[in-house]
Amino acid sequence: MTAWRAAGLNYINYSNIAARLLRQALKSDLRAAAARRNESHIKFTKWTNGKPEKAVN
């Protein structure tokens, strides 16, 4: 059994924690660039009868 599984984490949680710690360990100039890559955007679209309705952000 892997250490992250034994700690009760799934792989997504483990990788998020590892990425956050890595970003904190970077020098300040590299940390700013890494923080920008951390942002994500999700777009949801409701579908009715096989056709998309208005997008909800």
PDB file of N, CA and C in Angstrom:
ATOM      1  N   MET A   1       0.844  -1.171   0.000  1.00  0.00           N
ATOM      2  CA  MET A   1       0.000   0.000   0.000  1.00  0.00           C
ATOM      3  C   MET A   1       0.895   1.241   0.000  1.00  0.00           C
ATOM      4  N   THR A   2       0.522   2.213  -0.801  1.00  0.00           N
ATOM      5  CA  THR A   2       1.315   3.436  -0.875  1.00  0.00           C
ATOM      6  C   THR A   2       1.087   4.295   0.363  1.00  0.00           C
ATOM      7  N   ALA A   3       2.024   5.190   0.599  1.00  0.00           N
ATOM      8  CA  ALA A   3       1.960   6.029   1.798  1.00  0.00           C
ATOM      9  C   ALA A   3       0.736   6.942   1.774  1.00  0.00           C
ATOM     10  N   TRP A   4       0.397   7.503   0.615  1.00  0.00           N
ATOM     11  CA  TRP A   4      -0.756   8.406   0.557  1.00  0.00           C
ATOM     12  C   TRP A   4      -2.061   7.654   0.757  1.00  0.00           C
ATOM     13  N   ARG A   5      -2.111   6.396   0.302  1.00  0.00           N
ATOM     14  CA  ARG A   5      -3.319   5.589   0.502  1.00  0.00           C
ATOM     15  C   ARG A   5      -3.425   5.194   1.975  1.00  0.00           C
ATOM     16  N   ALA A   6      -2.300   4.862   2.598  1.00  0.00           N
ATOM     17  CA  ALA A   6      -2.305   4.498   4.016  1.00  0.00           C
ATOM     18  C   ALA A   6      -2.703   5.691   4.885  1.00  0.00           C
ATOM     19  N   ALA A   7      -2.431   6.915   4.385  1.00  0.00           N
ATOM     20  CA  ALA A   7      -2.804   8.119   5.131  1.00  0.00           C
ATOM     21  C   ALA A   7      -4.272   8.475   4.945  1.00  0.00           C
ATOM     22  N   GLY A   8      -4.985   7.708   4.118  1.00  0.00           N
ATOM     23  CA  GLY A   8      -6.408   7.949   3.920  1.00  0.00           C
ATOM     24  C   GLY A   8      -6.715   8.968   2.837  1.00  0.00           C
ATOM     25  N   LEU A   9      -5.763   9.224   1.934  1.00  0.00           N
ATOM     26  CA  LEU A   9      -5.960  10.189   0.860  1.00  0.00           C
ATOM     27  C   LEU A   9      -6.211   9.471  -0.456  1.00  0.00           C
ATOM     28  N   ASN A  10      -6.944  10.115  -1.342  1.00  0.00           N
ATOM     29  CA  ASN A  10      -6.993   9.600  -2.704  1.00  0.00           C
ATOM     30  C   ASN A  10      -5.893  10.295  -3.500  1.00  0.00           C
ATOM     31  N   TYR A  11      -5.662   9.864  -4.720  1.00  0.00           N
ATOM     32  CA  TYR A  11      -4.526  10.391  -5.472  1.00  0.00           C
ATOM     33  C   TYR A  11      -4.688  11.874  -5.784  1.00  0.00           C
ATOM     34  N   ILE A  12      -5.896  12.325  -6.048  1.00  0.00           N
ATOM     35  CA  ILE A  12      -6.122  13.741  -6.367  1.00  0.00           C
ATOM     36  C   ILE A  12      -5.737  14.618  -5.177  1.00  0.00           C
ATOM     37  N   ASN A  13      -6.194  14.243  -3.988  1.00  0.00           N
ATOM     38  CA  ASN A  13      -5.836  15.016  -2.794  1.00  0.00           C
ATOM     39  C   ASN A  13      -4.336  15.009  -2.556  1.00  0.00           C
ATOM     40  N   TYR A  14      -3.722  13.843  -2.710  1.00  0.00           N
ATOM     41  CA  TYR A  14      -2.278  13.728  -2.529  1.00  0.00           C
ATOM     42  C   TYR A  14      -1.527  14.623  -3.503  1.00  0.00           C
ATOM     43  N   SER A  15      -1.908  14.599  -4.773  1.00  0.00           N
ATOM     44  CA  SER A  15      -1.197  15.404  -5.763  1.00  0.00           C
ATOM     45  C   SER A  15      -1.424  16.894  -5.546  1.00  0.00           C
ATOM     46  N   ASN A  16      -2.611  17.288  -5.072  1.00  0.00           N
ATOM     47  CA  ASN A  16      -2.864  18.702  -4.764  1.00  0.00           C
ATOM     48  C   ASN A  16      -1.992  19.180  -3.611  1.00  0.00           C
ATOM     49  N   ILE A  17      -1.856  18.364  -2.592  1.00  0.00           N
ATOM     50  CA  ILE A  17      -1.008  18.721  -1.451  1.00  0.00           C
ATOM     51  C   ILE A  17       0.449  18.829  -1.892  1.00  0.00           C
ATOM     52  N   ALA A  18       0.913  17.864  -2.682  1.00  0.00           N
ATOM     53  CA  ALA A  18       2.306  17.885  -3.150  1.00  0.00           C
ATOM     54  C   ALA A  18       2.572  19.105  -4.025  1.00  0.00           C
ATOM     55  N   ALA A  19       1.634  19.459  -4.895  1.00  0.00           N
ATOM     56  CA  ALA A  19       1.808  20.629  -5.762  1.00  0.00           C
ATOM     57  C   ALA A  19       1.858  21.913  -4.941  1.00  0.00           C
ATOM     58  N   ARG A  20       0.973  22.019  -3.937  1.00  0.00           N
ATOM     59  CA  ARG A  20       0.958  23.215  -3.085  1.00  0.00           C
ATOM     60  C   ARG A  20       2.283  23.361  -2.331  1.00  0.00           C
ATOM     61  N   LEU A  21       2.796  22.260  -1.803  1.00  0.00           N
ATOM     62  CA  LEU A  21       4.075  22.317  -1.079  1.00  0.00           C
ATOM     63  C   LEU A  21       5.226  22.668  -2.006  1.00  0.00           C
ATOM     64  N   LEU A  22       5.208  22.151  -3.211  1.00  0.00           N
ATOM     65  CA  LEU A  22       6.251  22.483  -4.179  1.00  0.00           C
ATOM     66  C   LEU A  22       6.220  23.966  -4.529  1.00  0.00           C
ATOM     67  N   ARG A  23       5.022  24.528  -4.741  1.00  0.00           N
ATOM     68  CA  ARG A  23       4.913  25.954  -5.059  1.00  0.00           C
ATOM     69  C   ARG A  23       5.419  26.808  -3.904  1.00  0.00           C
ATOM     70  N   GLN A  24       5.164  26.395  -2.666  1.00  0.00           N
ATOM     71  CA  GLN A  24       5.634  27.150  -1.507  1.00  0.00           C
ATOM     72  C   GLN A  24       7.149  27.097  -1.371  1.00  0.00           C
ATOM     73  N   ALA A  25       7.779  26.046  -1.878  1.00  0.00           N
ATOM     74  CA  ALA A  25       9.221  25.875  -1.746  1.00  0.00           C
ATOM     75  C   ALA A  25      10.001  26.639  -2.819  1.00  0.00           C
ATOM     76  N   LEU A  26       9.327  27.135  -3.846  1.00  0.00           N
ATOM     77  CA  LEU A  26      10.011  27.835  -4.932  1.00  0.00           C
ATOM     78  C   LEU A  26      10.487  29.209  -4.485  1.00  0.00           C
ATOM     79  N   LYS A  27      11.492  29.726  -5.187  1.00  0.00           N
ATOM     80  CA  LYS A  27      11.944  31.090  -4.956  1.00  0.00           C
ATOM     81  C   LYS A  27      10.824  32.036  -5.373  1.00  0.00           C
ATOM     82  N   SER A  28      10.837  33.241  -4.828  1.00  0.00           N
ATOM     83  CA  SER A  28       9.703  34.161  -5.003  1.00  0.00           C
ATOM     84  C   SER A  28       9.408  34.492  -6.463  1.00  0.00           C
ATOM     85  N   ASP A  29      10.428  34.649  -7.313  1.00  0.00           N
ATOM     86  CA  ASP A  29      10.154  34.986  -8.707  1.00  0.00           C
ATOM     87  C   ASP A  29       9.494  33.819  -9.446  1.00  0.00           C
ATOM     88  N   LEU A  30       9.885  32.607  -9.143  1.00  0.00           N
ATOM     89  CA  LEU A  30       9.269  31.435  -9.766  1.00  0.00           C
ATOM     90  C   LEU A  30       7.913  31.114  -9.137  1.00  0.00           C
ATOM     91  N   ARG A  31       7.755  31.471  -7.863  1.00  0.00           N
ATOM     92  CA  ARG A  31       6.509  31.200  -7.165  1.00  0.00           C
ATOM     93  C   ARG A  31       5.339  31.964  -7.796  1.00  0.00           C
ATOM     94  N   ALA A  32       5.572  33.184  -8.232  1.00  0.00           N
ATOM     95  CA  ALA A  32       4.506  33.975  -8.849  1.00  0.00           C
ATOM     96  C   ALA A  32       4.039  33.327 -10.150  1.00  0.00           C
ATOM     97  N   ALA A  33       4.969  32.843 -10.963  1.00  0.00           N
ATOM     98  CA  ALA A  33       4.607  32.189 -12.218  1.00  0.00           C
ATOM     99  C   ALA A  33       3.855  30.883 -11.951  1.00  0.00           C
ATOM    100  N   ALA A  34       4.265  30.144 -10.945  1.00  0.00           N
ATOM    101  CA  ALA A  34       3.606  28.884 -10.605  1.00  0.00           C
ATOM    102  C   ALA A  34       2.198  29.143 -10.059  1.00  0.00           C
ATOM    103  N   ALA A  35       2.012  30.227  -9.337  1.00  0.00           N
ATOM    104  CA  ALA A  35       0.694  30.543  -8.795  1.00  0.00           C
ATOM    105  C   ALA A  35      -0.296  30.848  -9.915  1.00  0.00           C
ATOM    106  N   ARG A  36       0.171  31.477 -10.991  1.00  0.00           N
ATOM    107  CA  ARG A  36      -0.719  31.756 -12.118  1.00  0.00           C
ATOM    108  C   ARG A  36      -1.167  30.471 -12.800  1.00  0.00           C
ATOM    109  N   ARG A  37      -0.316  29.460 -12.840  1.00  0.00           N
ATOM    110  CA  ARG A  37      -0.693  28.184 -13.448  1.00  0.00           C
ATOM    111  C   ARG A  37      -1.670  27.407 -12.587  1.00  0.00           C
ATOM    112  N   ASN A  38      -1.790  27.781 -11.332  1.00  0.00           N
ATOM    113  CA  ASN A  38      -2.676  27.087 -10.405  1.00  0.00           C
ATOM    114  C   ASN A  38      -4.143  27.425 -10.654  1.00  0.00           C
ATOM    115  N   GLU A  39      -4.431  28.547 -11.309  1.00  0.00           N
ATOM    116  CA  GLU A  39      -5.809  28.960 -11.542  1.00  0.00           C
ATOM    117  C   GLU A  39      -6.475  28.048 -12.560  1.00  0.00           C
ATOM    118  N   SER A  40      -7.730  27.787 -12.342  1.00  0.00           N
ATOM    119  CA  SER A  40      -8.499  26.992 -13.299  1.00  0.00           C
ATOM    120  C   SER A  40      -9.906  27.553 -13.398  1.00  0.00           C
ATOM    121  N   HIS A  41     -10.512  27.325 -14.523  1.00  0.00           N
ATOM    122  CA  HIS A  41     -11.861  27.819 -14.760  1.00  0.00           C
ATOM    123  C   HIS A  41     -12.705  26.669 -15.275  1.00  0.00           C
ATOM    124  N   ILE A  42     -13.919  26.577 -14.777  1.00  0.00           N
ATOM    125  CA  ILE A  42     -14.827  25.512 -15.179  1.00  0.00           C
ATOM    126  C   ILE A  42     -16.089  26.158 -15.739  1.00  0.00           C
ATOM    127  N   LYS A  43     -16.546  25.623 -16.832  1.00  0.00           N
ATOM    128  CA  LYS A  43     -17.761  26.126 -17.451  1.00  0.00           C
ATOM    129  C   LYS A  43     -18.800  25.009 -17.447  1.00  0.00           C
ATOM    130  N   PHE A  44     -19.985  25.286 -16.904  1.00  0.00           N
ATOM    131  CA  PHE A  44     -21.061  24.319 -16.858  1.00  0.00           C
ATOM    132  C   PHE A  44     -22.121  24.718 -17.877  1.00  0.00           C
ATOM    133  N   THR A  45     -22.614  23.743 -18.601  1.00  0.00           N
ATOM    134  CA  THR A  45     -23.694  23.964 -19.555  1.00  0.00           C
ATOM    135  C   THR A  45     -24.801  22.961 -19.263  1.00  0.00           C
ATOM    136  N   LYS A  46     -25.999  23.470 -19.063  1.00  0.00           N
ATOM    137  CA  LYS A  46     -27.147  22.603 -18.813  1.00  0.00           C
ATOM    138  C   LYS A  46     -27.681  22.115 -20.159  1.00  0.00           C
ATOM    139  N   TRP A  47     -27.955  20.827 -20.252  1.00  0.00           N
ATOM    140  CA  TRP A  47     -28.474  20.223 -21.477  1.00  0.00           C
ATOM    141  C   TRP A  47     -29.907  19.753 -21.224  1.00  0.00           C
ATOM    142  N   THR A  48     -30.800  20.049 -22.166  1.00  0.00           N
ATOM    143  CA  THR A  48     -32.182  19.606 -22.107  1.00  0.00           C
ATOM    144  C   THR A  48     -32.577  19.070 -23.477  1.00  0.00           C
ATOM    145  N   ASN A  49     -33.079  17.867 -23.503  1.00  0.00           N
ATOM    146  CA  ASN A  49     -33.498  17.225 -24.750  1.00  0.00           C
ATOM    147  C   ASN A  49     -32.377  17.181 -25.796  1.00  0.00           C
ATOM    148  N   GLY A  50     -31.167  16.973 -25.334  1.00  0.00           N
ATOM    149  CA  GLY A  50     -30.034  16.832 -26.244  1.00  0.00           C
ATOM    150  C   GLY A  50     -29.500  18.132 -26.799  1.00  0.00           C
ATOM    151  N   LYS A  51     -29.940  19.283 -26.274  1.00  0.00           N
ATOM    152  CA  LYS A  51     -29.458  20.578 -26.756  1.00  0.00           C
ATOM    153  C   LYS A  51     -28.978  21.410 -25.570  1.00  0.00           C
ATOM    154  N   PRO A  52     -27.878  22.144 -25.756  1.00  0.00           N
ATOM    155  CA  PRO A  52     -27.365  22.954 -24.650  1.00  0.00           C
ATOM    156  C   PRO A  52     -28.236  24.183 -24.398  1.00  0.00           C
ATOM    157  N   GLU A  53     -28.396  24.514 -23.132  1.00  0.00           N
ATOM    158  CA  GLU A  53     -29.093  25.740 -22.748  1.00  0.00           C
ATOM    159  C   GLU A  53     -28.046  26.782 -22.426  1.00  0.00           C
ATOM    160  N   LYS A  54     -28.439  27.852 -21.790  1.00  0.00           N
ATOM    161  CA  LYS A  54     -27.518  28.931 -21.443  1.00  0.00           C
ATOM    162  C   LYS A  54     -26.420  28.416 -20.509  1.00  0.00           C
ATOM    163  N   ALA A  55     -25.183  28.817 -20.777  1.00  0.00           N
ATOM    164  CA  ALA A  55     -24.048  28.399 -19.964  1.00  0.00           C
ATOM    165  C   ALA A  55     -24.087  29.082 -18.612  1.00  0.00           C
ATOM    166  N   VAL A  56     -23.721  28.348 -17.563  1.00  0.00           N
ATOM    167  CA  VAL A  56     -23.665  28.878 -16.208  1.00  0.00           C
ATOM    168  C   VAL A  56     -22.218  28.811 -15.758  1.00  0.00           C
ATOM    169  N   ASN A  57     -21.665  29.939 -15.309  1.00  0.00           N
ATOM    170  CA  ASN A  57     -20.258  29.962 -14.868  1.00  0.00           C
ATOM    171  C   ASN A  57     -20.167  29.827 -13.392  1.00  0.00           C
TER     172      ASN A  57
END
